[in-house]
Amino acid sequence: MKTYRALAALLSYPDQALLDSLPELEALLPAQASPLLRELAAQDLLASQERYVALFDRSRALSLHLFEHVHGESRDRGQAMVDLQALYEQRGMRLVDNELPDYLPAFLEFLSLLPQEESRPLLGETAGILRALGERLAERASAYSGVLAALLELAGEPGLRKVAASSCAENAEQLDREWMDPQVTFGGPQPVRFHRKAVAA
């Protein structure tokens, strides 16, 4: 589905190619992504890049690496990475530039290669992570929360809870505390897993 690829592009580090493609992406994206499209179109590229880094690269709680929220730095994460990469390779997808397989934009690119009856359940397995990310972004009044809301809708899952935006801007000390938080898990005692059996051979 082209929609998955368009959402993957929005969740990637912004560059000039992304800005140039915004009119084309707009036709492919759900309405929830419109606020982010408008921000990217109106904002200076360097400012967009700085905002992206401040959100996703400095806070463990907002990491776009899915297994970070499931396994933290445990050994289980390494095996999960191997299994997910094998799943990609079964469909002819090869990661580039040392990209990790659990990076959410890479996962969405993979889903775009699958028929909907296979992609939707796989996306649904990540719903707990997507919802937590979306609500944390909403608390920061970030337009990126709309992208996570769109993904939940595509997965056929309940949307984001309405949360009040935090009145205090994050500072470096708060980000450090988030990074040192214990391992985060979602969806009860069983961690999110990507099963090979969910994709036809």
N, C-alpha and C. Protein backbone atom coordinates (compact mmCIF):
# COMPACT_ATOMS: atom_id res chain seq x y z
N MET A 1 0.83 -1.19 0.00
CA MET A 1 0.00 0.00 0.00
C MET A 1 0.87 1.25 0.00
N LYS A 2 0.52 2.17 -0.91
CA LYS A 2 1.29 3.40 -0.98
C LYS A 2 1.15 4.24 0.28
N THR A 3 0.04 4.08 0.99
CA THR A 3 -0.17 4.84 2.22
C THR A 3 0.90 4.51 3.25
N TYR A 4 1.27 3.23 3.36
CA TYR A 4 2.32 2.85 4.30
C TYR A 4 3.64 3.54 3.94
N ARG A 5 3.95 3.59 2.67
CA ARG A 5 5.20 4.23 2.24
C ARG A 5 5.17 5.72 2.51
N ALA A 6 4.02 6.34 2.31
CA ALA A 6 3.90 7.77 2.58
C ALA A 6 4.06 8.06 4.06
N LEU A 7 3.47 7.24 4.92
CA LEU A 7 3.61 7.43 6.36
C LEU A 7 5.03 7.15 6.80
N ALA A 8 5.68 6.18 6.18
CA ALA A 8 7.09 5.91 6.49
C ALA A 8 7.95 7.13 6.16
N ALA A 9 7.67 7.77 5.04
CA ALA A 9 8.42 8.97 4.65
C ALA A 9 8.25 10.08 5.69
N LEU A 10 7.03 10.26 6.18
CA LEU A 10 6.78 11.31 7.17
C LEU A 10 7.49 11.05 8.48
N LEU A 11 7.69 9.78 8.83
CA LEU A 11 8.34 9.44 10.09
C LEU A 11 9.85 9.35 9.96
N SER A 12 10.38 9.58 8.77
CA SER A 12 11.83 9.56 8.56
C SER A 12 12.41 10.95 8.78
N TYR A 13 13.73 10.98 8.95
CA TYR A 13 14.42 12.25 9.15
C TYR A 13 14.14 13.16 7.96
N PRO A 14 13.60 14.35 8.18
CA PRO A 14 13.21 15.20 7.04
C PRO A 14 14.40 15.72 6.24
N ASP A 15 14.27 15.67 4.93
CA ASP A 15 15.29 16.23 4.04
C ASP A 15 14.59 16.96 2.90
N GLN A 16 15.36 17.51 2.00
CA GLN A 16 14.76 18.29 0.92
C GLN A 16 13.89 17.43 0.02
N ALA A 17 14.30 16.18 -0.17
CA ALA A 17 13.49 15.28 -1.01
C ALA A 17 12.09 15.09 -0.42
N LEU A 18 12.01 15.00 0.91
CA LEU A 18 10.70 14.86 1.55
C LEU A 18 9.87 16.12 1.32
N LEU A 19 10.47 17.29 1.51
CA LEU A 19 9.73 18.53 1.31
C LEU A 19 9.23 18.65 -0.13
N ASP A 20 10.07 18.25 -1.08
CA ASP A 20 9.68 18.34 -2.48
C ASP A 20 8.53 17.40 -2.82
N SER A 21 8.40 16.32 -2.06
CA SER A 21 7.37 15.32 -2.37
C SER A 21 6.08 15.54 -1.59
N LEU A 22 6.00 16.58 -0.76
CA LEU A 22 4.81 16.77 0.07
C LEU A 22 3.51 16.85 -0.73
N PRO A 23 3.45 17.57 -1.87
CA PRO A 23 2.20 17.59 -2.64
C PRO A 23 1.76 16.20 -3.10
N GLU A 24 2.73 15.38 -3.49
CA GLU A 24 2.41 14.02 -3.92
C GLU A 24 1.95 13.16 -2.73
N LEU A 25 2.61 13.33 -1.58
CA LEU A 25 2.25 12.55 -0.41
C LEU A 25 0.85 12.89 0.09
N GLU A 26 0.47 14.15 -0.04
CA GLU A 26 -0.81 14.59 0.50
C GLU A 26 -1.97 13.79 -0.06
N ALA A 27 -1.86 13.39 -1.31
CA ALA A 27 -2.94 12.63 -1.94
C ALA A 27 -3.04 11.20 -1.42
N LEU A 28 -1.98 10.73 -0.76
CA LEU A 28 -1.94 9.35 -0.30
C LEU A 28 -2.21 9.21 1.18
N LEU A 29 -2.22 10.32 1.92
CA LEU A 29 -2.23 10.25 3.37
C LEU A 29 -3.61 10.47 3.97
N PRO A 30 -3.89 9.81 5.10
CA PRO A 30 -5.15 10.07 5.82
C PRO A 30 -5.16 11.49 6.38
N ALA A 31 -6.35 11.95 6.73
CA ALA A 31 -6.52 13.32 7.20
C ALA A 31 -5.72 13.60 8.47
N GLN A 32 -5.47 12.58 9.30
CA GLN A 32 -4.75 12.80 10.56
C GLN A 32 -3.34 13.34 10.34
N ALA A 33 -2.78 13.07 9.15
CA ALA A 33 -1.41 13.51 8.87
C ALA A 33 -1.34 14.94 8.36
N SER A 34 -2.48 15.55 8.09
CA SER A 34 -2.50 16.89 7.49
C SER A 34 -1.78 17.95 8.33
N PRO A 35 -1.95 17.98 9.66
CA PRO A 35 -1.22 18.99 10.44
C PRO A 35 0.29 18.90 10.27
N LEU A 36 0.83 17.69 10.22
CA LEU A 36 2.27 17.54 10.03
C LEU A 36 2.69 17.99 8.64
N LEU A 37 1.90 17.66 7.64
CA LEU A 37 2.20 18.12 6.28
C LEU A 37 2.28 19.64 6.23
N ARG A 38 1.32 20.30 6.87
CA ARG A 38 1.31 21.77 6.87
C ARG A 38 2.54 22.32 7.59
N GLU A 39 2.91 21.70 8.71
CA GLU A 39 4.09 22.17 9.44
C GLU A 39 5.35 22.02 8.62
N LEU A 40 5.51 20.87 8.00
CA LEU A 40 6.71 20.64 7.19
C LEU A 40 6.78 21.61 6.01
N ALA A 41 5.64 21.90 5.41
CA ALA A 41 5.61 22.82 4.27
C ALA A 41 5.93 24.25 4.69
N ALA A 42 5.54 24.62 5.92
CA ALA A 42 5.70 26.01 6.35
C ALA A 42 7.02 26.26 7.05
N GLN A 43 7.63 25.21 7.58
CA GLN A 43 8.81 25.39 8.42
C GLN A 43 10.10 25.25 7.63
N ASP A 44 11.12 25.99 8.04
CA ASP A 44 12.45 25.86 7.46
C ASP A 44 12.96 24.43 7.65
N LEU A 45 13.67 23.90 6.67
CA LEU A 45 14.13 22.51 6.73
C LEU A 45 15.00 22.27 7.95
N LEU A 46 15.92 23.17 8.24
CA LEU A 46 16.80 22.99 9.39
C LEU A 46 16.00 22.93 10.69
N ALA A 47 14.98 23.77 10.80
CA ALA A 47 14.13 23.75 11.99
C ALA A 47 13.38 22.42 12.10
N SER A 48 12.92 21.90 10.97
CA SER A 48 12.22 20.60 10.98
C SER A 48 13.17 19.49 11.42
N GLN A 49 14.41 19.54 10.95
CA GLN A 49 15.39 18.53 11.32
C GLN A 49 15.72 18.60 12.81
N GLU A 50 15.87 19.82 13.32
CA GLU A 50 16.17 19.99 14.74
C GLU A 50 15.02 19.47 15.60
N ARG A 51 13.80 19.74 15.17
CA ARG A 51 12.64 19.27 15.91
C ARG A 51 12.60 17.74 15.91
N TYR A 52 12.87 17.13 14.77
CA TYR A 52 12.86 15.68 14.66
C TYR A 52 13.86 15.05 15.61
N VAL A 53 15.08 15.58 15.61
CA VAL A 53 16.13 15.05 16.49
C VAL A 53 15.73 15.22 17.96
N ALA A 54 15.18 16.38 18.30
CA ALA A 54 14.78 16.63 19.69
C ALA A 54 13.71 15.66 20.14
N LEU A 55 12.83 15.28 19.25
CA LEU A 55 11.76 14.35 19.61
C LEU A 55 12.24 12.91 19.66
N PHE A 56 12.80 12.44 18.58
CA PHE A 56 12.99 11.00 18.41
C PHE A 56 14.38 10.48 18.74
N ASP A 57 15.38 11.33 18.72
CA ASP A 57 16.74 10.85 18.97
C ASP A 57 17.22 11.11 20.39
N ARG A 58 16.51 11.93 21.14
CA ARG A 58 16.97 12.28 22.48
C ARG A 58 16.13 11.67 23.59
N SER A 59 15.08 10.96 23.23
CA SER A 59 14.18 10.43 24.24
C SER A 59 13.88 8.97 23.97
N ARG A 60 14.23 8.13 24.90
CA ARG A 60 13.93 6.72 24.77
C ARG A 60 12.42 6.49 24.68
N ALA A 61 11.66 7.30 25.40
CA ALA A 61 10.21 7.13 25.42
C ALA A 61 9.58 7.38 24.06
N LEU A 62 10.29 8.10 23.17
CA LEU A 62 9.76 8.39 21.84
C LEU A 62 10.56 7.69 20.73
N SER A 63 11.35 6.72 21.10
CA SER A 63 12.16 6.03 20.10
C SER A 63 11.28 5.42 19.01
N LEU A 64 11.72 5.54 17.77
CA LEU A 64 11.02 4.92 16.64
C LEU A 64 11.51 3.51 16.38
N HIS A 65 12.33 2.97 17.26
CA HIS A 65 12.78 1.57 17.16
C HIS A 65 11.85 0.73 18.04
N LEU A 66 11.03 -0.07 17.39
CA LEU A 66 9.95 -0.78 18.07
C LEU A 66 10.44 -1.67 19.21
N PHE A 67 11.51 -2.41 18.98
CA PHE A 67 11.96 -3.35 20.00
C PHE A 67 12.59 -2.64 21.20
N GLU A 68 12.94 -1.39 21.06
CA GLU A 68 13.41 -0.61 22.21
C GLU A 68 12.34 -0.60 23.31
N HIS A 69 11.08 -0.57 22.90
CA HIS A 69 9.97 -0.50 23.86
C HIS A 69 9.57 -1.88 24.38
N VAL A 70 10.07 -2.92 23.73
CA VAL A 70 9.69 -4.28 24.12
C VAL A 70 10.82 -4.96 24.88
N HIS A 71 12.03 -4.88 24.34
CA HIS A 71 13.16 -5.62 24.91
C HIS A 71 14.22 -4.74 25.55
N GLY A 72 14.15 -3.42 25.36
CA GLY A 72 15.21 -2.57 25.89
C GLY A 72 16.55 -2.97 25.29
N GLU A 73 17.54 -3.15 26.14
CA GLU A 73 18.88 -3.55 25.68
C GLU A 73 19.16 -5.03 25.97
N SER A 74 18.12 -5.80 26.21
CA SER A 74 18.33 -7.21 26.55
C SER A 74 18.77 -8.02 25.33
N ARG A 75 19.25 -9.22 25.58
CA ARG A 75 19.68 -10.11 24.49
C ARG A 75 18.52 -10.49 23.59
N ASP A 76 17.33 -10.51 24.14
CA ASP A 76 16.16 -10.87 23.33
C ASP A 76 15.99 -9.94 22.15
N ARG A 77 16.41 -8.69 22.32
CA ARG A 77 16.26 -7.73 21.22
C ARG A 77 17.10 -8.15 20.01
N GLY A 78 18.30 -8.65 20.26
CA GLY A 78 19.14 -9.08 19.15
C GLY A 78 18.51 -10.19 18.33
N GLN A 79 17.95 -11.19 19.02
CA GLN A 79 17.31 -12.29 18.29
C GLN A 79 16.07 -11.82 17.57
N ALA A 80 15.32 -10.91 18.20
CA ALA A 80 14.13 -10.37 17.54
C ALA A 80 14.52 -9.62 16.27
N MET A 81 15.65 -8.90 16.30
CA MET A 81 16.15 -8.20 15.12
C MET A 81 16.47 -9.19 14.00
N VAL A 82 17.14 -10.27 14.36
CA VAL A 82 17.51 -11.28 13.36
C VAL A 82 16.26 -11.88 12.73
N ASP A 83 15.26 -12.20 13.55
CA ASP A 83 14.03 -12.80 13.04
C ASP A 83 13.29 -11.83 12.12
N LEU A 84 13.24 -10.55 12.51
CA LEU A 84 12.53 -9.58 11.70
C LEU A 84 13.24 -9.34 10.38
N GLN A 85 14.58 -9.29 10.42
CA GLN A 85 15.31 -9.11 9.17
C GLN A 85 15.12 -10.30 8.24
N ALA A 86 15.06 -11.49 8.80
CA ALA A 86 14.80 -12.68 7.98
C ALA A 86 13.42 -12.59 7.33
N LEU A 87 12.46 -12.06 8.07
CA LEU A 87 11.11 -11.87 7.52
C LEU A 87 11.15 -10.91 6.35
N TYR A 88 11.92 -9.83 6.48
CA TYR A 88 12.07 -8.87 5.38
C TYR A 88 12.67 -9.55 4.15
N GLU A 89 13.73 -10.32 4.39
CA GLU A 89 14.46 -10.91 3.27
C GLU A 89 13.61 -11.93 2.52
N GLN A 90 12.68 -12.58 3.24
CA GLN A 90 11.77 -13.51 2.57
C GLN A 90 10.94 -12.81 1.50
N ARG A 91 10.71 -11.52 1.68
CA ARG A 91 9.94 -10.74 0.72
C ARG A 91 10.82 -9.88 -0.18
N GLY A 92 12.11 -10.12 -0.14
CA GLY A 92 13.02 -9.42 -1.04
C GLY A 92 13.37 -8.01 -0.61
N MET A 93 13.13 -7.66 0.66
CA MET A 93 13.45 -6.33 1.16
C MET A 93 14.80 -6.37 1.85
N ARG A 94 15.70 -5.48 1.45
CA ARG A 94 17.03 -5.42 2.04
C ARG A 94 17.24 -4.03 2.63
N LEU A 95 17.65 -3.98 3.88
CA LEU A 95 17.87 -2.70 4.54
C LEU A 95 19.17 -2.06 4.06
N VAL A 96 19.23 -0.74 4.10
CA VAL A 96 20.40 -0.01 3.63
C VAL A 96 20.95 0.87 4.74
N ASP A 97 22.21 1.29 4.56
CA ASP A 97 22.84 2.27 5.45
C ASP A 97 22.77 1.87 6.91
N ASN A 98 23.00 0.59 7.19
CA ASN A 98 23.02 0.11 8.58
C ASN A 98 21.72 0.38 9.33
N GLU A 99 20.63 0.47 8.62
CA GLU A 99 19.33 0.69 9.24
C GLU A 99 18.91 -0.54 10.02
N LEU A 100 18.39 -0.36 11.21
CA LEU A 100 17.95 -1.48 12.03
C LEU A 100 16.55 -1.91 11.60
N PRO A 101 16.28 -3.22 11.62
CA PRO A 101 14.99 -3.70 11.10
C PRO A 101 13.79 -3.25 11.92
N ASP A 102 13.99 -2.89 13.19
CA ASP A 102 12.83 -2.48 14.00
C ASP A 102 12.55 -0.99 13.92
N TYR A 103 13.25 -0.28 13.04
CA TYR A 103 12.98 1.15 12.83
C TYR A 103 11.61 1.26 12.17
N LEU A 104 10.70 2.01 12.79
CA LEU A 104 9.31 2.04 12.35
C LEU A 104 9.15 2.37 10.86
N PRO A 105 9.84 3.38 10.29
CA PRO A 105 9.71 3.61 8.85
C PRO A 105 10.10 2.39 8.01
N ALA A 106 11.13 1.64 8.43
CA ALA A 106 11.52 0.44 7.69
C ALA A 106 10.42 -0.62 7.77
N PHE A 107 9.82 -0.77 8.94
CA PHE A 107 8.73 -1.73 9.11
C PHE A 107 7.55 -1.36 8.22
N LEU A 108 7.25 -0.07 8.12
CA LEU A 108 6.15 0.37 7.27
C LEU A 108 6.45 0.13 5.80
N GLU A 109 7.71 0.32 5.41
CA GLU A 109 8.10 0.00 4.03
C GLU A 109 7.86 -1.48 3.74
N PHE A 110 8.17 -2.32 4.70
CA PHE A 110 7.94 -3.75 4.55
C PHE A 110 6.45 -4.04 4.38
N LEU A 111 5.63 -3.42 5.23
CA LEU A 111 4.19 -3.65 5.14
C LEU A 111 3.63 -3.24 3.78
N SER A 112 4.24 -2.24 3.17
CA SER A 112 3.76 -1.78 1.86
C SER A 112 3.94 -2.84 0.78
N LEU A 113 4.79 -3.83 1.03
CA LEU A 113 5.02 -4.90 0.06
C LEU A 113 4.00 -6.03 0.18
N LEU A 114 3.20 -6.01 1.24
CA LEU A 114 2.31 -7.12 1.54
C LEU A 114 0.87 -6.80 1.16
N PRO A 115 0.08 -7.82 0.86
CA PRO A 115 -1.36 -7.59 0.69
C PRO A 115 -1.97 -7.18 2.03
N GLN A 116 -3.09 -6.49 1.97
CA GLN A 116 -3.70 -5.92 3.17
C GLN A 116 -4.03 -7.00 4.20
N GLU A 117 -4.45 -8.17 3.75
CA GLU A 117 -4.83 -9.21 4.71
C GLU A 117 -3.63 -9.70 5.53
N GLU A 118 -2.41 -9.42 5.06
CA GLU A 118 -1.21 -9.77 5.82
C GLU A 118 -0.64 -8.57 6.56
N SER A 119 -0.69 -7.40 5.92
CA SER A 119 -0.07 -6.22 6.54
C SER A 119 -0.86 -5.74 7.76
N ARG A 120 -2.17 -5.80 7.69
CA ARG A 120 -2.98 -5.24 8.78
C ARG A 120 -2.77 -5.97 10.10
N PRO A 121 -2.78 -7.32 10.13
CA PRO A 121 -2.51 -8.00 11.41
C PRO A 121 -1.11 -7.72 11.95
N LEU A 122 -0.13 -7.65 11.07
CA LEU A 122 1.23 -7.34 11.53
C LEU A 122 1.30 -5.95 12.15
N LEU A 123 0.67 -4.98 11.50
CA LEU A 123 0.65 -3.64 12.06
C LEU A 123 -0.09 -3.65 13.40
N GLY A 124 -1.15 -4.43 13.48
CA GLY A 124 -1.92 -4.51 14.72
C GLY A 124 -1.10 -5.02 15.90
N GLU A 125 -0.08 -5.87 15.62
CA GLU A 125 0.76 -6.37 16.70
C GLU A 125 1.53 -5.25 17.39
N THR A 126 1.73 -4.15 16.71
CA THR A 126 2.48 -3.03 17.28
C THR A 126 1.57 -1.96 17.87
N ALA A 127 0.26 -2.21 17.94
CA ALA A 127 -0.69 -1.17 18.31
C ALA A 127 -0.39 -0.55 19.67
N GLY A 128 0.01 -1.37 20.65
CA GLY A 128 0.31 -0.84 21.97
C GLY A 128 1.44 0.18 21.94
N ILE A 129 2.47 -0.13 21.15
CA ILE A 129 3.60 0.79 21.01
C ILE A 129 3.17 2.05 20.28
N LEU A 130 2.44 1.87 19.18
CA LEU A 130 1.99 3.02 18.39
C LEU A 130 1.13 3.96 19.22
N ARG A 131 0.24 3.38 20.03
CA ARG A 131 -0.65 4.22 20.84
C ARG A 131 0.15 4.98 21.90
N ALA A 132 1.10 4.30 22.55
CA ALA A 132 1.91 4.98 23.56
C ALA A 132 2.72 6.11 22.95
N LEU A 133 3.32 5.85 21.80
CA LEU A 133 4.09 6.90 21.11
C LEU A 133 3.19 8.07 20.74
N GLY A 134 2.04 7.75 20.16
CA GLY A 134 1.13 8.80 19.72
C GLY A 134 0.66 9.68 20.87
N GLU A 135 0.33 9.06 22.00
CA GLU A 135 -0.15 9.84 23.13
C GLU A 135 0.96 10.66 23.76
N ARG A 136 2.19 10.14 23.77
CA ARG A 136 3.31 10.93 24.28
C ARG A 136 3.61 12.12 23.37
N LEU A 137 3.47 11.91 22.07
CA LEU A 137 3.65 13.02 21.13
C LEU A 137 2.55 14.05 21.28
N ALA A 138 1.33 13.58 21.50
CA ALA A 138 0.21 14.51 21.71
C ALA A 138 0.43 15.35 22.96
N GLU A 139 0.98 14.75 24.00
CA GLU A 139 1.29 15.50 25.22
C GLU A 139 2.28 16.62 24.96
N ARG A 140 3.13 16.42 23.95
CA ARG A 140 4.11 17.43 23.58
C ARG A 140 3.57 18.37 22.49
N ALA A 141 2.27 18.25 22.21
CA ALA A 141 1.61 19.05 21.17
C ALA A 141 2.31 18.90 19.83
N SER A 142 2.78 17.69 19.52
CA SER A 142 3.49 17.44 18.28
C SER A 142 2.54 16.93 17.21
N ALA A 143 2.66 17.50 16.00
CA ALA A 143 1.83 17.05 14.88
C ALA A 143 2.17 15.64 14.45
N TYR A 144 3.32 15.12 14.87
CA TYR A 144 3.67 13.73 14.55
C TYR A 144 2.66 12.75 15.17
N SER A 145 1.95 13.17 16.20
CA SER A 145 0.96 12.28 16.81
C SER A 145 -0.10 11.85 15.80
N GLY A 146 -0.39 12.72 14.81
CA GLY A 146 -1.38 12.37 13.80
C GLY A 146 -0.97 11.20 12.94
N VAL A 147 0.33 11.04 12.72
CA VAL A 147 0.81 9.91 11.93
C VAL A 147 0.55 8.61 12.68
N LEU A 148 0.79 8.62 13.99
CA LEU A 148 0.54 7.42 14.80
C LEU A 148 -0.95 7.13 14.86
N ALA A 149 -1.78 8.17 14.93
CA ALA A 149 -3.23 7.97 14.92
C ALA A 149 -3.67 7.33 13.60
N ALA A 150 -3.08 7.77 12.50
CA ALA A 150 -3.41 7.20 11.19
C ALA A 150 -3.03 5.72 11.12
N LEU A 151 -1.89 5.37 11.70
CA LEU A 151 -1.46 3.96 11.69
C LEU A 151 -2.41 3.09 12.51
N LEU A 152 -2.86 3.59 13.64
CA LEU A 152 -3.82 2.82 14.44
C LEU A 152 -5.11 2.59 13.66
N GLU A 153 -5.54 3.59 12.93
CA GLU A 153 -6.76 3.44 12.12
C GLU A 153 -6.55 2.38 11.04
N LEU A 154 -5.39 2.41 10.39
CA LEU A 154 -5.10 1.41 9.36
C LEU A 154 -5.08 0.00 9.94
N ALA A 155 -4.67 -0.11 11.21
CA ALA A 155 -4.61 -1.41 11.86
C ALA A 155 -5.97 -1.86 12.37
N GLY A 156 -6.98 -0.99 12.27
CA GLY A 156 -8.30 -1.32 12.79
C GLY A 156 -8.35 -1.31 14.29
N GLU A 157 -7.49 -0.49 14.91
CA GLU A 157 -7.39 -0.41 16.37
C GLU A 157 -8.02 0.89 16.88
N PRO A 158 -8.41 0.90 18.16
CA PRO A 158 -8.92 2.16 18.74
C PRO A 158 -7.87 3.26 18.63
N GLY A 159 -8.33 4.50 18.50
CA GLY A 159 -7.43 5.62 18.31
C GLY A 159 -6.76 6.07 19.59
N LEU A 160 -6.11 7.23 19.52
CA LEU A 160 -5.41 7.80 20.66
C LEU A 160 -6.41 8.35 21.68
N ARG A 161 -6.07 8.21 22.94
CA ARG A 161 -6.85 8.90 23.98
C ARG A 161 -6.60 10.40 23.86
N LYS A 162 -7.56 11.18 24.24
CA LYS A 162 -7.37 12.62 24.26
C LYS A 162 -6.54 12.97 25.48
N VAL A 163 -5.40 13.58 25.25
CA VAL A 163 -4.51 13.95 26.35
C VAL A 163 -4.24 15.45 26.28
N ALA A 164 -4.02 16.04 27.42
CA ALA A 164 -3.71 17.47 27.47
C ALA A 164 -2.24 17.67 27.17
N ALA A 165 -1.94 18.64 26.34
CA ALA A 165 -0.55 18.95 26.05
C ALA A 165 0.12 19.47 27.31
N SER A 166 1.34 19.04 27.54
CA SER A 166 2.08 19.46 28.72
C SER A 166 2.34 20.95 28.65
N SER A 167 2.18 21.63 29.79
CA SER A 167 2.42 23.06 29.82
C SER A 167 3.89 23.41 29.95
N CYS A 168 4.71 22.40 30.26
CA CYS A 168 6.14 22.65 30.45
C CYS A 168 6.93 22.02 29.32
N ALA A 169 7.82 22.77 28.74
CA ALA A 169 8.68 22.24 27.68
C ALA A 169 9.66 21.25 28.29
N GLU A 170 10.02 20.20 27.52
CA GLU A 170 11.00 19.24 28.00
C GLU A 170 12.35 19.91 28.09
N ASN A 171 13.10 19.53 29.08
CA ASN A 171 14.47 20.01 29.18
C ASN A 171 15.42 18.83 29.19
N ALA A 172 16.70 19.12 29.17
CA ALA A 172 17.69 18.04 29.05
C ALA A 172 17.62 17.08 30.23
N GLU A 173 17.38 17.59 31.44
CA GLU A 173 17.31 16.72 32.61
C GLU A 173 16.15 15.75 32.49
N GLN A 174 14.99 16.21 32.01
CA GLN A 174 13.84 15.33 31.84
C GLN A 174 14.12 14.27 30.80
N LEU A 175 14.76 14.66 29.70
CA LEU A 175 15.10 13.68 28.66
C LEU A 175 16.04 12.62 29.19
N ASP A 176 17.00 13.03 30.02
CA ASP A 176 17.92 12.06 30.61
C ASP A 176 17.18 11.07 31.49
N ARG A 177 16.20 11.57 32.26
CA ARG A 177 15.43 10.66 33.11
C ARG A 177 14.67 9.65 32.27
N GLU A 178 14.09 10.11 31.15
CA GLU A 178 13.36 9.20 30.26
C GLU A 178 14.29 8.13 29.71
N TRP A 179 15.49 8.52 29.34
CA TRP A 179 16.43 7.57 28.74
C TRP A 179 16.83 6.49 29.74
N MET A 180 16.85 6.84 31.03
CA MET A 180 17.26 5.90 32.05
C MET A 180 16.09 5.10 32.62
N ASP A 181 14.89 5.32 32.10
CA ASP A 181 13.74 4.56 32.59
C ASP A 181 13.96 3.07 32.40
N PRO A 182 13.34 2.22 33.24
CA PRO A 182 13.42 0.77 33.03
C PRO A 182 12.78 0.38 31.70
N GLN A 183 13.05 -0.85 31.31
CA GLN A 183 12.50 -1.38 30.06
C GLN A 183 10.99 -1.21 30.03
N VAL A 184 10.47 -0.78 28.89
CA VAL A 184 9.04 -0.55 28.73
C VAL A 184 8.43 -1.74 27.99
N THR A 185 7.28 -2.23 28.46
CA THR A 185 6.55 -3.27 27.74
C THR A 185 5.12 -2.83 27.58
N PHE A 186 4.47 -3.35 26.54
CA PHE A 186 3.09 -2.99 26.26
C PHE A 186 2.28 -4.25 26.04
N GLY A 187 0.97 -4.13 26.21
CA GLY A 187 0.08 -5.23 25.86
C GLY A 187 0.06 -6.36 26.87
N GLY A 188 0.30 -6.07 28.14
CA GLY A 188 0.25 -7.11 29.15
C GLY A 188 1.58 -7.82 29.29
N PRO A 189 1.57 -9.02 29.88
CA PRO A 189 2.83 -9.71 30.17
C PRO A 189 3.55 -10.20 28.94
N GLN A 190 2.86 -10.42 27.83
CA GLN A 190 3.51 -10.92 26.63
C GLN A 190 3.98 -9.75 25.76
N PRO A 191 5.25 -9.72 25.39
CA PRO A 191 5.74 -8.62 24.54
C PRO A 191 5.21 -8.74 23.12
N VAL A 192 5.23 -7.61 22.42
CA VAL A 192 4.86 -7.61 21.01
C VAL A 192 5.86 -8.46 20.25
N ARG A 193 5.38 -9.32 19.39
CA ARG A 193 6.28 -10.16 18.58
C ARG A 193 5.84 -10.07 17.12
N PHE A 194 6.81 -10.28 16.24
CA PHE A 194 6.51 -10.36 14.82
C PHE A 194 6.68 -11.82 14.43
N HIS A 195 5.61 -12.47 14.03
CA HIS A 195 5.64 -13.91 13.76
C HIS A 195 5.84 -14.16 12.27
N ARG A 196 6.77 -15.02 11.95
CA ARG A 196 6.97 -15.37 10.55
C ARG A 196 5.72 -15.99 9.95
N LYS A 197 4.99 -16.73 10.78
CA LYS A 197 3.81 -17.41 10.23
C LYS A 197 2.74 -16.45 9.76
N ALA A 198 2.86 -15.16 10.13
CA ALA A 198 1.85 -14.18 9.71
C ALA A 198 2.02 -13.79 8.26
N VAL A 199 3.15 -14.17 7.65
CA VAL A 199 3.40 -13.84 6.25
C VAL A 199 3.54 -15.12 5.47
N ALA A 200 2.80 -15.23 4.39
CA ALA A 200 2.86 -16.44 3.58
C ALA A 200 4.24 -16.60 2.96
N ALA A 201 4.69 -17.84 2.87
CA ALA A 201 6.01 -18.11 2.29
C ALA A 201 6.00 -17.83 0.79
